[in-house]
Amino acid sequence: MDTQTPALDSFASESRTVSLSGTREATEAKALEHHELPMSHKLVIMASVVGTQLIQTISFGAGIVASLTLSTQLGAPSPASAAWIAASYPLTQGAFVLPGGRLGAIYGHKNMMIFGGVIWVAFTLGSAFAPSFIVLCVLRGLSGVGGGIMVPNCIALLGITFPPGPMRNLAFGLFGASNPIGAASGGILGGIIVQFAPWKWMFIAMAIAGAVVFGIAFIATPRDRPVDKSGSLDLVGSYLGIGALFLFNFVWNQAPAAGWSTVYIYVLLIVSILHAIGFIIWSRSYARDPIIPFTIWTRPSFGMLLVVVFLTLMAFSIFLWYLNVWELNVRHYTFTAAGGTVSPIIVVGGVMAGVGAWLVPRLRAQYIMAIGVAVVLTALIILGTMPTQQIFWAQAFPATFIVAAGPDFIITAAQVIASNSVRRHEQGIAGSLIGVLQVYGLSTGLGFAGTVEVYTNDGGLNPVKGYRGAIFLGVGFCVLALVLDLLFVRMKADTQEGWAEGDLEKRDEKEDTITA
């Protein structure tokens, strides 16, 4: 029996009746009002979808805290190698976000969200039984594939469920907050488990939690109608896009361990750039159904907004990683204590999600993003100027307390603007772009910072000097993001409420043949 959501199933038929009445706008408004899901159901969808994002972000945070002990136990004790346990997950997650959004448009966003969840649970559970360091990183990467498929489809489901307005702003605010909250929660979970139990139980616990949350999302979320059921996945574009993202990120995360003098590092960097150029040419000139239509870049300031988000998320990942290694390697915190130091992010992140959503219709997007960038910048400066030994409450605590507001403000503003800039059937595309920046920035930032650390730590004799160098790279990212934001991002406060007239239109005329 077909359990399609009434609010989604009847859009095609409703839009065809508009021309008969001659009052398209009024008819669409009535149709939307009549077929909207009850608010209680929408809230359940919001909670389950946000919970899905929270669970997979916990995996990143747990990887950060547990990476040093896991790499040591598996025979790769250097910090440069340990970073791979944290970075391997967002590496593949970021690379597979782009095709994940397109697959959602073809097969349904709910279907792909659950499919990604199954992959995530399977390989997260498999990570618990990894016999070696390399196998663990590979399994972490494969679980990231599932995460990459989930991210854009979660965003699309929120964008489809909630029309522009306060509830959409709140939904995207909570979704954005799941990144710092999940990372902090994962740090606490990982710290407790690796200190008091075998490390495999960290992955088993995450797999069980993921299965429960994804199961709830499967039950709570209605099945949406594929918006491009007759479409196809651009295989050439997907290969070029995934190849470019994967290889570029791999090079920057592997270079600190292998050294930039290693020949294959340069070769793969060149290959990644060639893939990126090929992706642009193919998508713009040859692809019939590109995974990122170039028309989405026509909104003023949209491209620069994405650059600002990417730079800030790289800086945020640098903050999390080097706070952790400083506490574990220099101040010799226990794993539980190291995980607990990021707990303020959970509280502040939850509060700032609501504040960010409240600001969206009241303040221009560039100013919301400027606040977010400035917060991360301030936290990094506080962290980078700490003395080698100091009590947690002096500088680490205030830095940790304020940093959560950064991703909340940045991602909330970007998600709302990106989602509202495209039509209803293109929510997966907007979700793909912002999703790439969220997860890819977390991994790429660690790669850039690792290179700076290796070349500033006096050959490993002065690790704190290397940490400071990496942290101030994050400061540089934030300064650049702030300048670009204030000079080039120009977007008015988003006061739109309800679906616009074009929200029910299909991108191609052939799509109007889909029946309810």
Protein backbone atom coordinates (compact mmCIF):
# COMPACT_ATOMS: atom_id res chain seq x y z
CA MET A 1 0.00 0.00 0.00
CA ASP A 2 1.37 3.45 -1.00
CA THR A 3 1.93 5.61 2.04
CA GLN A 4 2.95 8.78 0.18
CA THR A 5 2.54 11.99 2.13
CA PRO A 6 -0.67 13.78 1.04
CA ALA A 7 1.08 17.14 1.24
CA LEU A 8 3.64 15.96 -1.31
CA ASP A 9 1.54 13.62 -3.46
CA SER A 10 -1.06 16.15 -4.53
CA PHE A 11 1.21 18.97 -5.53
CA ALA A 12 1.31 18.00 -9.21
CA SER A 13 -2.48 17.69 -9.51
CA GLU A 14 -3.11 20.85 -7.52
CA SER A 15 -0.77 22.86 -9.71
CA ARG A 16 -2.61 21.69 -12.87
CA THR A 17 -5.97 22.90 -11.56
CA VAL A 18 -4.67 26.41 -11.01
CA SER A 19 -4.77 27.34 -14.69
CA LEU A 20 -8.46 26.39 -14.86
CA SER A 21 -9.47 28.82 -12.15
CA GLY A 22 -7.27 31.68 -13.27
CA THR A 23 -6.29 32.35 -9.65
CA ARG A 24 -3.09 30.35 -9.34
CA GLU A 25 -1.70 32.01 -6.25
CA ALA A 26 -4.90 31.73 -4.23
CA THR A 27 -5.48 28.13 -5.23
CA GLU A 28 -1.95 27.06 -4.36
CA ALA A 29 -2.20 28.76 -1.00
CA LYS A 30 -5.43 26.93 -0.23
CA ALA A 31 -3.99 23.64 -1.43
CA LEU A 32 -0.94 24.00 0.74
CA GLU A 33 -3.00 25.01 3.74
CA HIS A 34 -5.38 22.10 3.25
CA HIS A 35 -2.72 19.44 2.77
CA GLU A 36 -0.06 20.52 5.24
CA LEU A 37 0.84 17.95 7.87
CA PRO A 38 -0.28 18.68 11.44
CA MET A 39 2.28 20.68 13.37
CA SER A 40 2.66 17.87 15.92
CA HIS A 41 3.70 15.52 13.11
CA LYS A 42 6.10 18.11 11.73
CA LEU A 43 7.75 18.46 15.12
CA VAL A 44 8.29 14.70 15.30
CA ILE A 45 9.86 14.81 11.83
CA MET A 46 12.08 17.68 12.93
CA ALA A 47 13.24 15.83 16.04
CA SER A 48 13.97 12.57 14.21
CA VAL A 49 15.81 14.20 11.30
CA VAL A 50 17.89 16.42 13.59
CA GLY A 51 18.59 13.34 15.72
CA THR A 52 19.88 11.57 12.63
CA GLN A 53 22.40 14.35 12.01
CA LEU A 54 23.32 14.44 15.69
CA ILE A 55 24.18 10.74 15.77
CA GLN A 56 26.51 10.85 12.82
CA THR A 57 28.26 13.97 14.12
CA ILE A 58 28.86 12.14 17.41
CA SER A 59 31.04 9.77 15.39
CA PHE A 60 33.32 12.65 14.38
CA GLY A 61 33.67 13.92 17.96
CA ALA A 62 34.32 10.44 19.33
CA GLY A 63 37.01 9.94 16.71
CA ILE A 64 38.80 13.12 17.80
CA VAL A 65 39.03 12.19 21.49
CA ALA A 66 39.76 8.49 20.96
CA SER A 67 42.13 8.84 18.01
CA LEU A 68 45.37 9.07 19.99
CA THR A 69 44.80 5.94 22.06
CA LEU A 70 43.29 3.97 19.16
CA SER A 71 46.21 4.74 16.86
CA THR A 72 48.70 3.79 19.58
CA GLN A 73 46.97 0.48 20.28
CA LEU A 74 46.82 -0.29 16.56
CA GLY A 75 50.49 0.46 15.90
CA ALA A 76 50.41 4.03 14.50
CA PRO A 77 51.28 6.22 17.50
CA SER A 78 52.25 9.51 15.80
CA PRO A 79 49.74 12.39 16.10
CA ALA A 80 49.90 12.93 12.33
CA SER A 81 48.70 9.36 11.78
CA ALA A 82 46.18 9.55 14.62
CA ALA A 83 44.44 12.44 12.88
CA TRP A 84 43.32 9.98 10.20
CA ILE A 85 40.95 8.27 12.64
CA ALA A 86 39.14 11.58 13.04
CA ALA A 87 39.54 12.77 9.43
CA SER A 88 38.70 9.57 7.52
CA TYR A 89 35.03 9.83 8.45
CA PRO A 90 34.29 13.39 7.22
CA LEU A 91 36.64 12.80 4.27
CA THR A 92 34.27 10.37 2.54
CA GLN A 93 31.20 11.97 4.06
CA GLY A 94 31.99 15.26 2.36
CA ALA A 95 32.85 13.57 -0.93
CA PHE A 96 29.56 11.66 -1.17
CA VAL A 97 27.22 14.49 -0.17
CA LEU A 98 26.92 15.76 -3.76
CA PRO A 99 25.63 12.55 -5.37
CA GLY A 100 23.61 11.86 -2.22
CA GLY A 101 21.41 14.88 -2.88
CA ARG A 102 20.87 13.90 -6.50
CA LEU A 103 20.00 10.32 -5.55
CA GLY A 104 17.38 11.72 -3.18
CA ALA A 105 15.77 13.65 -6.02
CA ILE A 106 15.56 10.46 -8.09
CA TYR A 107 14.61 7.85 -5.49
CA GLY A 108 13.09 9.94 -2.69
CA HIS A 109 14.81 11.77 0.12
CA LYS A 110 13.45 9.52 2.85
CA ASN A 111 14.53 6.38 1.01
CA MET A 112 18.07 7.67 0.62
CA MET A 113 18.25 8.92 4.20
CA ILE A 114 17.42 5.43 5.46
CA PHE A 115 19.73 3.78 2.91
CA GLY A 116 22.57 5.98 4.13
CA GLY A 117 21.65 5.10 7.71
CA VAL A 118 21.93 1.38 7.00
CA ILE A 119 25.41 1.88 5.51
CA TRP A 120 26.43 4.02 8.48
CA VAL A 121 25.31 1.46 11.07
CA ALA A 122 26.88 -1.48 9.23
CA PHE A 123 30.35 0.02 8.89
CA THR A 124 30.32 1.72 12.28
CA LEU A 125 29.65 -1.69 13.80
CA GLY A 126 32.36 -3.19 11.60
CA SER A 127 34.84 -0.61 12.91
CA ALA A 128 34.57 -2.22 16.35
CA PHE A 129 36.33 -5.30 15.02
CA ALA A 130 39.03 -3.64 12.91
CA PRO A 131 42.30 -5.62 13.28
CA SER A 132 44.63 -2.81 12.21
CA PHE A 133 44.95 0.96 11.95
CA ILE A 134 44.48 1.04 8.18
CA VAL A 135 41.41 -1.21 8.30
CA LEU A 136 39.87 1.01 10.98
CA CYS A 137 40.41 4.13 8.87
CA VAL A 138 38.91 2.38 5.82
CA LEU A 139 35.84 1.28 7.77
CA ARG A 140 35.47 4.78 9.22
CA GLY A 141 35.61 6.10 5.68
CA LEU A 142 32.96 3.66 4.49
CA SER A 143 30.65 4.69 7.33
CA GLY A 144 31.23 8.26 6.14
CA VAL A 145 29.75 7.28 2.77
CA GLY A 146 26.49 6.55 4.56
CA GLY A 147 26.74 9.86 6.39
CA GLY A 148 27.33 11.68 3.12
CA ILE A 149 24.18 10.19 1.64
CA MET A 150 22.15 11.13 4.72
CA VAL A 151 23.18 14.78 5.10
CA PRO A 152 21.61 16.37 1.98
CA ASN A 153 18.49 14.25 2.25
CA CYS A 154 17.97 15.21 5.89
CA ILE A 155 18.28 18.86 4.90
CA ALA A 156 15.91 18.35 1.98
CA LEU A 157 13.29 16.69 4.19
CA LEU A 158 13.37 19.65 6.56
CA GLY A 159 13.12 22.06 3.63
CA ILE A 160 10.18 20.15 2.17
CA THR A 161 8.35 19.76 5.48
CA PHE A 162 8.64 23.37 6.62
CA PRO A 163 7.82 26.30 4.33
CA PRO A 164 9.94 29.46 4.70
CA GLY A 165 9.24 31.05 8.06
CA PRO A 166 10.03 30.76 11.77
CA MET A 167 9.63 26.97 12.00
CA ARG A 168 11.99 26.36 9.08
CA ASN A 169 14.49 28.72 10.68
CA LEU A 170 14.24 26.77 13.94
CA ALA A 171 14.56 23.42 12.15
CA PHE A 172 17.70 24.51 10.35
CA GLY A 173 19.01 26.13 13.52
CA LEU A 174 18.71 22.84 15.41
CA PHE A 175 20.18 20.95 12.47
CA GLY A 176 23.16 23.30 12.45
CA ALA A 177 23.52 23.02 16.23
CA SER A 178 23.76 19.25 15.93
CA ASN A 179 27.29 19.69 14.56
CA PRO A 180 28.94 21.27 17.62
CA ILE A 181 26.60 19.46 20.03
CA GLY A 182 27.26 16.11 18.36
CA ALA A 183 31.00 16.69 18.28
CA ALA A 184 31.01 17.55 21.98
CA SER A 185 28.74 14.63 22.89
CA GLY A 186 30.94 12.29 20.89
CA GLY A 187 33.97 13.57 22.76
CA ILE A 188 32.34 12.80 26.09
CA LEU A 189 31.12 9.37 24.95
CA GLY A 190 34.44 8.44 23.40
CA GLY A 191 36.43 9.65 26.41
CA ILE A 192 34.39 7.65 28.90
CA ILE A 193 34.38 4.42 26.90
CA VAL A 194 38.05 4.29 25.90
CA GLN A 195 39.10 5.01 29.48
CA PHE A 196 36.93 2.41 31.19
CA ALA A 197 36.25 -0.24 28.52
CA PRO A 198 37.79 -1.74 25.38
CA TRP A 199 37.64 0.78 22.54
CA LYS A 200 35.45 -1.46 20.39
CA TRP A 201 32.50 -0.65 22.65
CA MET A 202 32.62 2.95 21.47
CA PHE A 203 31.71 1.86 17.96
CA ILE A 204 29.20 -0.72 19.17
CA ALA A 205 27.44 1.92 21.28
CA MET A 206 27.32 4.34 18.35
CA ALA A 207 25.97 1.64 16.01
CA ILE A 208 23.20 0.74 18.47
CA ALA A 209 22.28 4.39 19.01
CA GLY A 210 22.28 4.96 15.26
CA ALA A 211 20.01 1.98 14.61
CA VAL A 212 17.51 3.27 17.18
CA VAL A 213 17.48 6.87 15.93
CA PHE A 214 17.36 5.92 12.24
CA GLY A 215 14.54 3.50 13.01
CA ILE A 216 12.55 6.30 14.65
CA ALA A 217 13.21 8.53 11.64
CA PHE A 218 12.01 5.76 9.32
CA ILE A 219 8.73 5.46 11.22
CA ALA A 220 8.16 9.18 11.79
CA THR A 221 9.04 10.57 8.37
CA PRO A 222 6.42 10.21 5.61
CA ARG A 223 7.62 8.95 2.26
CA ASP A 224 8.14 11.83 -0.14
CA ARG A 225 7.51 11.60 -3.87
CA PRO A 226 10.74 11.61 -5.89
CA VAL A 227 10.90 15.00 -7.59
CA ASP A 228 12.80 13.65 -10.61
CA LYS A 229 11.68 10.04 -10.77
CA SER A 230 12.51 9.73 -14.46
CA GLY A 231 15.89 11.39 -14.02
CA SER A 232 19.27 9.76 -13.79
CA LEU A 233 22.44 10.16 -11.80
CA ASP A 234 25.21 11.95 -13.65
CA LEU A 235 27.82 9.21 -13.34
CA VAL A 236 30.62 11.14 -15.01
CA GLY A 237 29.97 14.24 -12.92
CA SER A 238 29.69 12.13 -9.76
CA TYR A 239 33.00 10.43 -10.48
CA LEU A 240 34.77 13.72 -11.18
CA GLY A 241 33.23 15.45 -8.15
CA ILE A 242 33.89 12.61 -5.71
CA GLY A 243 37.38 12.11 -7.11
CA ALA A 244 38.27 15.78 -6.75
CA LEU A 245 36.95 16.07 -3.20
CA PHE A 246 38.37 12.75 -2.01
CA LEU A 247 41.85 13.12 -3.49
CA PHE A 248 42.29 16.76 -2.46
CA ASN A 249 41.31 15.97 1.11
CA PHE A 250 43.38 12.78 1.19
CA VAL A 251 46.50 14.65 0.09
CA TRP A 252 46.22 17.30 2.78
CA ASN A 253 45.56 14.79 5.55
CA GLN A 254 48.26 12.36 4.41
CA ALA A 255 50.97 14.96 3.76
CA PRO A 256 51.74 15.65 7.46
CA ALA A 257 52.52 11.95 7.97
CA ALA A 258 54.15 11.14 4.62
CA GLY A 259 55.83 14.49 4.02
CA TRP A 260 55.40 16.87 1.12
CA SER A 261 58.63 15.55 -0.39
CA THR A 262 56.84 12.27 -1.16
CA VAL A 263 56.19 12.06 -4.90
CA TYR A 264 52.69 10.58 -4.76
CA ILE A 265 51.48 13.51 -2.64
CA TYR A 266 52.22 15.98 -5.43
CA VAL A 267 50.87 13.66 -8.10
CA LEU A 268 47.55 13.12 -6.31
CA LEU A 269 47.20 16.85 -5.65
CA ILE A 270 47.56 17.55 -9.38
CA VAL A 271 45.12 14.75 -10.21
CA SER A 272 42.56 16.16 -7.75
CA ILE A 273 42.80 19.62 -9.34
CA LEU A 274 42.37 18.12 -12.81
CA HIS A 275 39.28 16.25 -11.58
CA ALA A 276 37.85 19.51 -10.23
CA ILE A 277 38.43 21.30 -13.54
CA GLY A 278 36.87 18.39 -15.40
CA PHE A 279 33.86 18.45 -13.07
CA ILE A 280 33.24 22.15 -13.77
CA ILE A 281 33.57 21.76 -17.55
CA TRP A 282 31.42 18.63 -17.66
CA SER A 283 28.67 20.01 -15.43
CA ARG A 284 28.49 23.30 -17.27
CA SER A 285 28.69 22.12 -20.87
CA TYR A 286 27.84 18.45 -21.23
CA ALA A 287 25.83 17.00 -18.34
CA ARG A 288 22.11 16.50 -18.97
CA ASP A 289 21.25 16.31 -15.27
CA PRO A 290 24.24 17.77 -13.41
CA ILE A 291 24.44 17.02 -9.69
CA ILE A 292 24.89 20.78 -9.16
CA PRO A 293 23.05 22.87 -11.80
CA PHE A 294 24.97 26.06 -12.47
CA THR A 295 21.76 28.07 -12.23
CA ILE A 296 21.96 27.77 -8.44
CA TRP A 297 24.98 30.08 -8.48
CA THR A 298 22.96 32.96 -9.95
CA ARG A 299 21.75 34.21 -6.58
CA PRO A 300 23.82 37.24 -5.57
CA SER A 301 26.54 36.51 -3.01
CA PHE A 302 25.67 32.81 -2.92
CA GLY A 303 29.11 31.56 -3.96
CA MET A 304 30.95 33.82 -1.55
CA LEU A 305 28.61 32.77 1.25
CA LEU A 306 29.71 29.17 0.69
CA VAL A 307 33.38 30.16 0.86
CA VAL A 308 32.79 31.89 4.21
CA VAL A 309 31.06 28.79 5.60
CA PHE A 310 33.88 26.52 4.43
CA LEU A 311 36.64 28.65 5.96
CA THR A 312 34.83 28.93 9.28
CA LEU A 313 34.12 25.20 9.55
CA MET A 314 37.79 24.44 8.87
CA ALA A 315 38.71 26.79 11.72
CA PHE A 316 36.16 25.12 14.02
CA SER A 317 37.63 21.66 13.39
CA ILE A 318 41.10 23.03 14.16
CA PHE A 319 39.79 24.32 17.49
CA LEU A 320 38.32 20.93 18.45
CA TRP A 321 41.36 18.89 17.43
CA TYR A 322 44.05 21.04 19.02
CA LEU A 323 42.13 21.58 22.23
CA ASN A 324 42.01 17.79 22.48
CA VAL A 325 45.67 17.04 21.68
CA TRP A 326 46.86 19.89 23.93
CA GLU A 327 44.92 18.49 26.88
CA LEU A 328 45.91 14.87 26.27
CA ASN A 329 49.52 15.20 25.15
CA VAL A 330 50.68 18.29 27.07
CA ARG A 331 48.47 18.56 30.14
CA HIS A 332 47.96 14.79 30.41
CA TYR A 333 44.22 14.86 30.99
CA THR A 334 42.42 11.55 31.24
CA PHE A 335 40.21 10.69 28.27
CA THR A 336 37.11 11.32 30.37
CA ALA A 337 38.39 14.73 31.44
CA ALA A 338 39.35 15.63 27.87
CA GLY A 339 35.88 14.68 26.67
CA GLY A 340 34.26 16.60 29.51
CA THR A 341 36.06 19.82 28.64
CA VAL A 342 33.93 20.23 25.52
CA SER A 343 30.65 19.76 27.42
CA PRO A 344 29.89 23.53 27.47
CA ILE A 345 29.43 23.27 23.71
CA ILE A 346 26.34 21.10 24.26
CA VAL A 347 24.55 23.70 26.39
CA VAL A 348 25.62 26.76 24.44
CA GLY A 349 25.01 25.07 21.10
CA GLY A 350 21.42 24.26 21.98
CA VAL A 351 20.68 27.81 23.11
CA MET A 352 22.44 29.48 20.18
CA ALA A 353 20.48 27.37 17.69
CA GLY A 354 17.32 29.16 18.79
CA VAL A 355 19.05 32.53 18.85
CA GLY A 356 20.38 32.02 15.33
CA ALA A 357 16.93 31.08 14.04
CA TRP A 358 15.46 34.15 15.76
CA LEU A 359 18.03 36.41 14.10
CA VAL A 360 17.47 35.19 10.53
CA PRO A 361 14.39 37.36 9.77
CA ARG A 362 15.71 40.27 11.84
CA LEU A 363 19.29 40.72 10.70
CA ARG A 364 21.03 40.60 7.35
CA ALA A 365 22.68 37.27 6.65
CA GLN A 366 26.17 38.71 6.34
CA TYR A 367 25.95 40.14 9.86
CA ILE A 368 24.71 36.87 11.36
CA MET A 369 27.60 35.11 9.68
CA ALA A 370 30.03 37.82 10.80
CA ILE A 371 29.02 37.19 14.41
CA GLY A 372 29.59 33.46 13.94
CA VAL A 373 33.01 33.97 12.36
CA ALA A 374 34.04 36.46 15.05
CA VAL A 375 33.09 34.00 17.79
CA VAL A 376 35.26 31.21 16.34
CA LEU A 377 38.07 33.73 15.77
CA THR A 378 37.94 34.84 19.40
CA ALA A 379 37.91 31.25 20.68
CA LEU A 380 40.97 30.37 18.59
CA ILE A 381 42.90 33.41 19.81
CA ILE A 382 42.13 32.48 23.42
CA LEU A 383 43.20 28.89 22.76
CA GLY A 384 46.36 29.82 20.89
CA THR A 385 47.61 32.17 23.61
CA MET A 386 47.28 29.68 26.48
CA PRO A 387 50.44 28.92 28.44
CA THR A 388 51.63 25.34 28.24
CA GLN A 389 50.23 24.47 31.67
CA GLN A 390 47.15 26.22 33.06
CA ILE A 391 43.92 25.35 34.84
CA PHE A 392 41.02 24.60 32.51
CA TRP A 393 38.87 27.47 33.78
CA ALA A 394 41.32 30.23 32.88
CA GLN A 395 41.28 30.11 29.06
CA ALA A 396 40.18 26.71 27.77
CA PHE A 397 36.76 27.01 29.39
CA PRO A 398 35.81 30.46 28.04
CA ALA A 399 37.07 29.48 24.58
CA THR A 400 35.01 26.27 24.64
CA PHE A 401 32.00 28.10 26.04
CA ILE A 402 31.75 30.64 23.23
CA VAL A 403 32.92 28.61 20.24
CA ALA A 404 29.64 26.69 19.83
CA ALA A 405 27.82 29.85 18.75
CA GLY A 406 30.01 30.07 15.65
CA PRO A 407 28.81 27.02 13.71
CA ASP A 408 25.26 27.62 14.93
CA PHE A 409 25.08 31.11 13.47
CA ILE A 410 27.05 30.27 10.33
CA ILE A 411 25.19 27.10 9.38
CA THR A 412 21.74 28.37 10.36
CA ALA A 413 22.08 31.50 8.23
CA ALA A 414 23.58 29.57 5.32
CA GLN A 415 20.99 26.78 5.43
CA VAL A 416 18.03 29.15 5.51
CA ILE A 417 19.36 31.39 2.75
CA ALA A 418 20.36 28.43 0.57
CA SER A 419 17.08 26.59 1.13
CA ASN A 420 14.97 29.66 0.44
CA SER A 421 16.97 30.46 -2.69
CA VAL A 422 15.81 27.33 -4.52
CA ARG A 423 12.44 25.86 -5.36
CA ARG A 424 10.83 23.14 -3.34
CA HIS A 425 11.96 20.36 -5.67
CA GLU A 426 15.57 21.58 -5.48
CA GLN A 427 15.95 21.32 -1.71
CA GLY A 428 18.33 18.38 -2.12
CA ILE A 429 20.68 20.50 -4.22
CA ALA A 430 20.83 23.24 -1.60
CA GLY A 431 21.27 20.58 1.06
CA SER A 432 24.13 19.05 -0.89
CA LEU A 433 26.07 22.30 -1.13
CA ILE A 434 25.79 23.26 2.51
CA GLY A 435 26.25 19.65 3.57
CA VAL A 436 29.53 19.41 1.67
CA LEU A 437 30.81 22.50 3.43
CA GLN A 438 29.79 21.26 6.87
CA VAL A 439 31.56 17.93 6.76
CA TYR A 440 34.30 18.58 4.20
CA GLY A 441 35.49 21.63 6.09
CA LEU A 442 35.87 19.60 9.28
CA SER A 443 38.22 17.14 7.59
CA THR A 444 40.13 19.50 5.30
CA GLY A 445 40.87 21.88 8.15
CA LEU A 446 42.69 19.10 10.00
CA GLY A 447 44.81 18.40 6.93
CA PHE A 448 45.90 22.02 6.46
CA ALA A 449 46.57 22.41 10.18
CA GLY A 450 48.57 19.18 10.32
CA THR A 451 50.91 20.45 7.63
CA VAL A 452 51.50 23.70 9.52
CA GLU A 453 52.06 21.78 12.76
CA VAL A 454 54.69 19.50 11.23
CA TYR A 455 56.64 22.41 9.77
CA THR A 456 56.56 24.60 12.90
CA ASN A 457 57.22 22.14 15.75
CA ASP A 458 61.02 22.08 15.36
CA GLY A 459 61.08 18.55 14.07
CA GLY A 460 58.81 17.30 16.85
CA LEU A 461 60.97 18.76 19.64
CA ASN A 462 58.49 21.53 20.45
CA PRO A 463 54.96 20.16 20.01
CA VAL A 464 53.24 23.16 21.64
CA LYS A 465 54.85 25.46 19.09
CA GLY A 466 53.38 23.29 16.35
CA TYR A 467 49.97 23.39 18.01
CA ARG A 468 50.09 27.17 18.18
CA GLY A 469 51.06 27.39 14.52
CA ALA A 470 48.09 25.24 13.53
CA ILE A 471 45.72 27.19 15.77
CA PHE A 472 46.81 30.49 14.27
CA LEU A 473 46.22 29.04 10.82
CA GLY A 474 42.61 28.74 12.01
CA VAL A 475 42.79 32.38 13.08
CA GLY A 476 43.89 33.24 9.55
CA PHE A 477 40.96 31.29 8.09
CA CYS A 478 38.56 33.27 10.28
CA VAL A 479 40.10 36.64 9.42
CA LEU A 480 39.83 35.84 5.71
CA ALA A 481 36.24 34.64 6.16
CA LEU A 482 35.31 37.80 8.05
CA VAL A 483 36.80 40.06 5.37
CA LEU A 484 35.09 38.18 2.54
CA ASP A 485 31.79 38.18 4.41
CA LEU A 486 31.75 41.91 5.14
CA LEU A 487 32.99 42.92 1.68
CA PHE A 488 31.16 40.57 -0.66
CA VAL A 489 28.17 38.91 1.03
CA ARG A 490 25.06 41.06 0.63
CA MET A 491 21.81 39.40 1.60
CA LYS A 492 18.84 41.02 3.25
CA ALA A 493 17.11 39.60 6.29
CA ASP A 494 15.03 36.60 5.21
CA THR A 495 11.45 37.47 6.12
CA GLN A 496 9.76 35.11 3.66
CA GLU A 497 6.94 33.04 5.14
CA GLY A 498 5.12 30.30 3.26
CA TRP A 499 5.74 28.78 -0.15
CA ALA A 500 6.33 31.10 -3.08
CA GLU A 501 4.39 30.76 -6.33
CA GLY A 502 7.14 28.82 -8.06
CA ASP A 503 7.62 26.29 -5.30
CA LEU A 504 5.33 23.76 -6.93
CA GLU A 505 6.70 24.15 -10.43
CA LYS A 506 8.87 21.42 -11.89
CA ARG A 507 12.28 22.11 -13.31
CA ASP A 508 11.39 20.39 -16.58
CA GLU A 509 8.02 20.30 -18.29
CA LYS A 510 8.17 16.53 -18.56
CA GLU A 511 8.00 16.28 -14.78
CA ASP A 512 4.43 17.61 -14.87
CA THR A 513 3.36 14.19 -16.11
CA ILE A 514 3.89 12.71 -12.66
CA THR A 515 0.50 11.95 -11.20
CA ALA A 516 -0.51 12.11 -7.58
